[in-house]
Amino acid sequence: MNKLKLVIYAGIAFLAFYMVACSSGSTTEEVEYPTEGLITTVKEVQKDQFKIEDEVTAPTPEESLIIAKYMDSTIDTFTLEEVRLYYSESGRNGGIARAASYGFFGYMMGRSMASHRPAASAYTDPKAHQKATSKAGSSLKKSAARKTVTKPKGSSTSKSRSTRSYGG
């Protein structure tokens, strides 16, 4: 009987140790993600430099678009999937996605809704920034869904850094 008690106590001790060890290696946090989409219009203000002209909500994230207006009067439209592909590229399309990511479209591209604040300098003028903040930004935040995620200790959705390097 004493052997059985010893085995049970050892099992409980091992289980307690395992639970403490596992829990110290991860953290949980609540993240917000958009349930609405966004249509962002960017305007070329100098060659290959874009600023946000307007942002309005769309019914779903999958309906998110970037409408790019170029100085030569041409217009391109990019879906969310296209934007994700172009974001890491340089050149004409990469600049469009980068410019849009400084506004509320950054949420569509995976930036944290808790820590990302669209920069006024990313917009064509203060009125465009104010309109986007009070309408689209407010709507995105109000309709955002929340979920709890478990992350390894030391990582955070709001403080992630890329470890990619590119040769050249």
C-alpha atoms as a PDB file:
ATOM      1  CA  MET A   1       0.000   0.000   0.000  1.00  0.00           C
ATOM      2  CA  ASN A   2       2.857   2.387   0.787  1.00  0.00           C
ATOM      3  CA  LYS A   3       4.320   1.709  -2.672  1.00  0.00           C
ATOM      4  CA  LEU A   4       1.005   2.632  -4.276  1.00  0.00           C
ATOM      5  CA  LYS A   5       0.860   5.917  -2.309  1.00  0.00           C
ATOM      6  CA  LEU A   6       4.434   6.670  -3.347  1.00  0.00           C
ATOM      7  CA  VAL A   7       3.596   6.070  -7.023  1.00  0.00           C
ATOM      8  CA  ILE A   8       0.488   8.264  -6.778  1.00  0.00           C
ATOM      9  CA  TYR A   9       2.388  11.100  -5.057  1.00  0.00           C
ATOM     10  CA  ALA A  10       5.195  10.835  -7.601  1.00  0.00           C
ATOM     11  CA  GLY A  11       2.648  10.995 -10.417  1.00  0.00           C
ATOM     12  CA  ILE A  12       0.952  14.041  -8.919  1.00  0.00           C
ATOM     13  CA  ALA A  13       4.313  15.753  -8.394  1.00  0.00           C
ATOM     14  CA  PHE A  14       5.354  14.998 -11.981  1.00  0.00           C
ATOM     15  CA  LEU A  15       2.029  16.298 -13.326  1.00  0.00           C
ATOM     16  CA  ALA A  16       2.298  19.494 -11.264  1.00  0.00           C
ATOM     17  CA  PHE A  17       5.894  20.033 -12.400  1.00  0.00           C
ATOM     18  CA  TYR A  18       4.912  19.424 -16.047  1.00  0.00           C
ATOM     19  CA  MET A  19       2.015  21.898 -15.853  1.00  0.00           C
ATOM     20  CA  VAL A  20       4.205  24.614 -14.324  1.00  0.00           C
ATOM     21  CA  ALA A  21       6.977  24.016 -16.864  1.00  0.00           C
ATOM     22  CA  CYS A  22       4.585  24.162 -19.814  1.00  0.00           C
ATOM     23  CA  SER A  23       2.717  27.213 -18.608  1.00  0.00           C
ATOM     24  CA  SER A  24       5.907  29.181 -18.035  1.00  0.00           C
ATOM     25  CA  GLY A  25       6.840  28.666 -21.695  1.00  0.00           C
ATOM     26  CA  SER A  26       3.756  30.377 -23.099  1.00  0.00           C
ATOM     27  CA  THR A  27       1.425  33.279 -22.540  1.00  0.00           C
ATOM     28  CA  THR A  28      -2.114  33.995 -23.558  1.00  0.00           C
ATOM     29  CA  GLU A  29      -3.384  37.258 -24.876  1.00  0.00           C
ATOM     30  CA  GLU A  30      -6.556  38.563 -26.389  1.00  0.00           C
ATOM     31  CA  VAL A  31      -6.258  39.720 -29.989  1.00  0.00           C
ATOM     32  CA  GLU A  32      -8.718  41.659 -32.083  1.00  0.00           C
ATOM     33  CA  TYR A  33      -9.252  41.017 -35.753  1.00  0.00           C
ATOM     34  CA  PRO A  34     -11.485  42.772 -38.266  1.00  0.00           C
ATOM     35  CA  THR A  35     -14.803  41.261 -39.272  1.00  0.00           C
ATOM     36  CA  GLU A  36     -15.456  43.994 -41.829  1.00  0.00           C
ATOM     37  CA  GLY A  37     -13.348  44.737 -44.859  1.00  0.00           C
ATOM     38  CA  LEU A  38     -11.832  47.970 -46.070  1.00  0.00           C
ATOM     39  CA  ILE A  39     -11.595  49.723 -49.407  1.00  0.00           C
ATOM     40  CA  THR A  40      -8.618  52.052 -49.397  1.00  0.00           C
ATOM     41  CA  THR A  41      -7.951  54.544 -52.163  1.00  0.00           C
ATOM     42  CA  VAL A  42      -4.336  55.623 -52.513  1.00  0.00           C
ATOM     43  CA  LYS A  43      -3.128  58.442 -54.713  1.00  0.00           C
ATOM     44  CA  GLU A  44       0.310  58.829 -56.265  1.00  0.00           C
ATOM     45  CA  VAL A  45       1.592  62.191 -54.997  1.00  0.00           C
ATOM     46  CA  GLN A  46       5.116  61.889 -56.413  1.00  0.00           C
ATOM     47  CA  LYS A  47       6.607  59.273 -58.689  1.00  0.00           C
ATOM     48  CA  ASP A  48       6.176  55.926 -56.880  1.00  0.00           C
ATOM     49  CA  GLN A  49       5.064  57.636 -53.639  1.00  0.00           C
ATOM     50  CA  PHE A  50       1.492  57.145 -52.491  1.00  0.00           C
ATOM     51  CA  LYS A  51      -0.743  58.581 -49.797  1.00  0.00           C
ATOM     52  CA  ILE A  52      -4.158  57.473 -48.612  1.00  0.00           C
ATOM     53  CA  GLU A  53      -6.975  59.505 -50.114  1.00  0.00           C
ATOM     54  CA  ASP A  54      -9.942  57.651 -48.595  1.00  0.00           C
ATOM     55  CA  GLU A  55     -10.895  54.560 -46.580  1.00  0.00           C
ATOM     56  CA  VAL A  56     -14.394  53.095 -46.350  1.00  0.00           C
ATOM     57  CA  THR A  57     -15.609  49.815 -44.887  1.00  0.00           C
ATOM     58  CA  ALA A  58     -16.701  46.796 -46.926  1.00  0.00           C
ATOM     59  CA  PRO A  59     -19.059  44.062 -45.672  1.00  0.00           C
ATOM     60  CA  THR A  60     -16.375  41.364 -45.226  1.00  0.00           C
ATOM     61  CA  PRO A  61     -12.558  41.230 -45.025  1.00  0.00           C
ATOM     62  CA  GLU A  62     -12.493  39.233 -48.283  1.00  0.00           C
ATOM     63  CA  GLU A  63     -14.033  42.226 -50.077  1.00  0.00           C
ATOM     64  CA  SER A  64     -11.124  44.467 -49.083  1.00  0.00           C
ATOM     65  CA  LEU A  65      -9.479  46.340 -51.934  1.00  0.00           C
ATOM     66  CA  ILE A  66      -6.890  48.962 -52.660  1.00  0.00           C
ATOM     67  CA  ILE A  67      -7.716  51.346 -55.466  1.00  0.00           C
ATOM     68  CA  ALA A  68      -4.547  53.015 -56.752  1.00  0.00           C
ATOM     69  CA  LYS A  69      -4.765  56.303 -58.635  1.00  0.00           C
ATOM     70  CA  TYR A  70      -1.593  57.155 -60.544  1.00  0.00           C
ATOM     71  CA  MET A  71      -0.362  60.584 -61.623  1.00  0.00           C
ATOM     72  CA  ASP A  72      -0.778  59.531 -65.277  1.00  0.00           C
ATOM     73  CA  SER A  73      -4.558  59.160 -64.594  1.00  0.00           C
ATOM     74  CA  THR A  74      -4.548  55.347 -64.702  1.00  0.00           C
ATOM     75  CA  ILE A  75      -6.260  53.362 -61.963  1.00  0.00           C
ATOM     76  CA  ASP A  76      -5.491  49.861 -60.653  1.00  0.00           C
ATOM     77  CA  THR A  77      -7.484  47.770 -58.205  1.00  0.00           C
ATOM     78  CA  PHE A  78      -5.890  45.142 -55.948  1.00  0.00           C
ATOM     79  CA  THR A  79      -7.659  42.482 -53.886  1.00  0.00           C
ATOM     80  CA  LEU A  80      -6.505  41.643 -50.361  1.00  0.00           C
ATOM     81  CA  GLU A  81      -4.735  38.506 -51.615  1.00  0.00           C
ATOM     82  CA  GLU A  82      -2.919  40.477 -54.319  1.00  0.00           C
ATOM     83  CA  VAL A  83      -1.895  43.080 -51.759  1.00  0.00           C
ATOM     84  CA  ARG A  84      -0.424  40.408 -49.493  1.00  0.00           C
ATOM     85  CA  LEU A  85       1.643  39.113 -52.408  1.00  0.00           C
ATOM     86  CA  TYR A  86       2.801  42.576 -53.481  1.00  0.00           C
ATOM     87  CA  TYR A  87       3.537  43.879 -49.995  1.00  0.00           C
ATOM     88  CA  SER A  88       6.999  42.390 -49.815  1.00  0.00           C
ATOM     89  CA  GLU A  89       7.918  43.373 -53.362  1.00  0.00           C
ATOM     90  CA  SER A  90       9.561  46.603 -54.345  1.00  0.00           C
ATOM     91  CA  GLY A  91       8.438  48.762 -57.213  1.00  0.00           C
ATOM     92  CA  ARG A  92       5.136  50.258 -58.194  1.00  0.00           C
ATOM     93  CA  ASN A  93       2.807  47.748 -56.522  1.00  0.00           C
ATOM     94  CA  GLY A  94       4.947  47.301 -53.378  1.00  0.00           C
ATOM     95  CA  GLY A  95       4.768  51.046 -52.701  1.00  0.00           C
ATOM     96  CA  ILE A  96       0.989  50.998 -52.983  1.00  0.00           C
ATOM     97  CA  ALA A  97       0.608  48.209 -50.436  1.00  0.00           C
ATOM     98  CA  ARG A  98       3.146  49.802 -48.115  1.00  0.00           C
ATOM     99  CA  ALA A  99       1.334  53.166 -48.232  1.00  0.00           C
ATOM    100  CA  ALA A 100      -2.041  51.531 -47.519  1.00  0.00           C
ATOM    101  CA  SER A 101      -0.583  49.534 -44.617  1.00  0.00           C
ATOM    102  CA  TYR A 102       0.158  52.769 -42.729  1.00  0.00           C
ATOM    103  CA  GLY A 103      -3.579  53.429 -42.585  1.00  0.00           C
ATOM    104  CA  PHE A 104      -6.404  51.191 -41.400  1.00  0.00           C
ATOM    105  CA  PHE A 105      -5.663  48.736 -44.225  1.00  0.00           C
ATOM    106  CA  GLY A 106      -2.775  47.621 -42.020  1.00  0.00           C
ATOM    107  CA  TYR A 107      -5.374  45.698 -40.005  1.00  0.00           C
ATOM    108  CA  MET A 108      -6.331  43.751 -43.143  1.00  0.00           C
ATOM    109  CA  MET A 109      -2.674  42.870 -43.606  1.00  0.00           C
ATOM    110  CA  GLY A 110      -2.332  41.531 -40.068  1.00  0.00           C
ATOM    111  CA  ARG A 111      -1.205  44.480 -37.979  1.00  0.00           C
ATOM    112  CA  SER A 112      -2.433  44.519 -34.417  1.00  0.00           C
ATOM    113  CA  MET A 113      -5.641  46.456 -33.902  1.00  0.00           C
ATOM    114  CA  ALA A 114      -4.557  47.136 -30.334  1.00  0.00           C
ATOM    115  CA  SER A 115      -1.245  48.821 -31.066  1.00  0.00           C
ATOM    116  CA  HIS A 116      -1.347  50.090 -34.674  1.00  0.00           C
ATOM    117  CA  ARG A 117      -2.404  53.705 -34.983  1.00  0.00           C
ATOM    118  CA  PRO A 118      -2.713  55.014 -38.542  1.00  0.00           C
ATOM    119  CA  ALA A 119      -0.252  57.831 -39.153  1.00  0.00           C
ATOM    120  CA  ALA A 120      -1.736  61.182 -40.162  1.00  0.00           C
ATOM    121  CA  SER A 121       1.242  61.655 -42.479  1.00  0.00           C
ATOM    122  CA  ALA A 122       0.119  58.607 -44.498  1.00  0.00           C
ATOM    123  CA  TYR A 123      -2.958  60.505 -45.724  1.00  0.00           C
ATOM    124  CA  THR A 124      -3.224  63.119 -48.462  1.00  0.00           C
ATOM    125  CA  ASP A 125      -4.411  65.723 -45.949  1.00  0.00           C
ATOM    126  CA  PRO A 126      -5.702  66.078 -42.364  1.00  0.00           C
ATOM    127  CA  LYS A 127      -9.345  65.883 -43.516  1.00  0.00           C
ATOM    128  CA  ALA A 128      -8.767  62.481 -45.131  1.00  0.00           C
ATOM    129  CA  HIS A 129      -7.134  61.216 -41.921  1.00  0.00           C
ATOM    130  CA  GLN A 130      -9.942  62.566 -39.740  1.00  0.00           C
ATOM    131  CA  LYS A 131     -12.654  61.077 -41.968  1.00  0.00           C
ATOM    132  CA  ALA A 132     -10.961  57.669 -42.056  1.00  0.00           C
ATOM    133  CA  THR A 133     -10.444  57.671 -38.287  1.00  0.00           C
ATOM    134  CA  SER A 134     -13.967  58.756 -37.376  1.00  0.00           C
ATOM    135  CA  LYS A 135     -15.805  56.560 -39.885  1.00  0.00           C
ATOM    136  CA  ALA A 136     -13.908  53.516 -41.187  1.00  0.00           C
ATOM    137  CA  GLY A 137     -11.553  53.220 -38.213  1.00  0.00           C
ATOM    138  CA  SER A 138     -14.356  53.562 -35.694  1.00  0.00           C
ATOM    139  CA  SER A 139     -16.491  50.987 -37.507  1.00  0.00           C
ATOM    140  CA  LEU A 140     -13.615  48.481 -37.789  1.00  0.00           C
ATOM    141  CA  LYS A 141     -12.860  48.734 -34.075  1.00  0.00           C
ATOM    142  CA  LYS A 142     -16.513  48.455 -33.013  1.00  0.00           C
ATOM    143  CA  SER A 143     -17.129  45.371 -35.132  1.00  0.00           C
ATOM    144  CA  ALA A 144     -13.808  43.643 -34.370  1.00  0.00           C
ATOM    145  CA  ALA A 145     -13.953  40.109 -33.038  1.00  0.00           C
ATOM    146  CA  ARG A 146     -11.778  39.030 -30.144  1.00  0.00           C
ATOM    147  CA  LYS A 147     -10.131  35.726 -29.411  1.00  0.00           C
ATOM    148  CA  THR A 148      -7.609  34.460 -26.907  1.00  0.00           C
ATOM    149  CA  VAL A 149      -4.447  32.978 -28.367  1.00  0.00           C
ATOM    150  CA  THR A 150      -1.556  31.139 -26.749  1.00  0.00           C
ATOM    151  CA  LYS A 151       1.894  32.305 -27.783  1.00  0.00           C
ATOM    152  CA  PRO A 152       5.374  31.191 -26.781  1.00  0.00           C
ATOM    153  CA  LYS A 153       6.807  33.441 -24.088  1.00  0.00           C
ATOM    154  CA  GLY A 154       8.566  36.440 -25.544  1.00  0.00           C
ATOM    155  CA  SER A 155       6.378  36.732 -28.633  1.00  0.00           C
ATOM    156  CA  SER A 156       3.525  39.122 -29.013  1.00  0.00           C
ATOM    157  CA  THR A 157       1.122  39.977 -31.791  1.00  0.00           C
ATOM    158  CA  SER A 158       1.808  43.642 -31.276  1.00  0.00           C
ATOM    159  CA  LYS A 159       5.592  43.441 -31.165  1.00  0.00           C
ATOM    160  CA  SER A 160       6.666  41.078 -33.891  1.00  0.00           C
ATOM    161  CA  ARG A 161       9.804  41.524 -35.939  1.00  0.00           C
ATOM    162  CA  SER A 162      10.733  39.859 -39.157  1.00  0.00           C
ATOM    163  CA  THR A 163      13.864  37.780 -39.158  1.00  0.00           C
ATOM    164  CA  ARG A 164      14.009  37.569 -42.930  1.00  0.00           C
ATOM    165  CA  SER A 165      17.131  38.665 -44.676  1.00  0.00           C
ATOM    166  CA  TYR A 166      17.606  39.170 -48.357  1.00  0.00           C
ATOM    167  CA  GLY A 167      20.828  38.618 -50.225  1.00  0.00           C
ATOM    168  CA  GLY A 168      21.845  40.796 -53.076  1.00  0.00           C
END
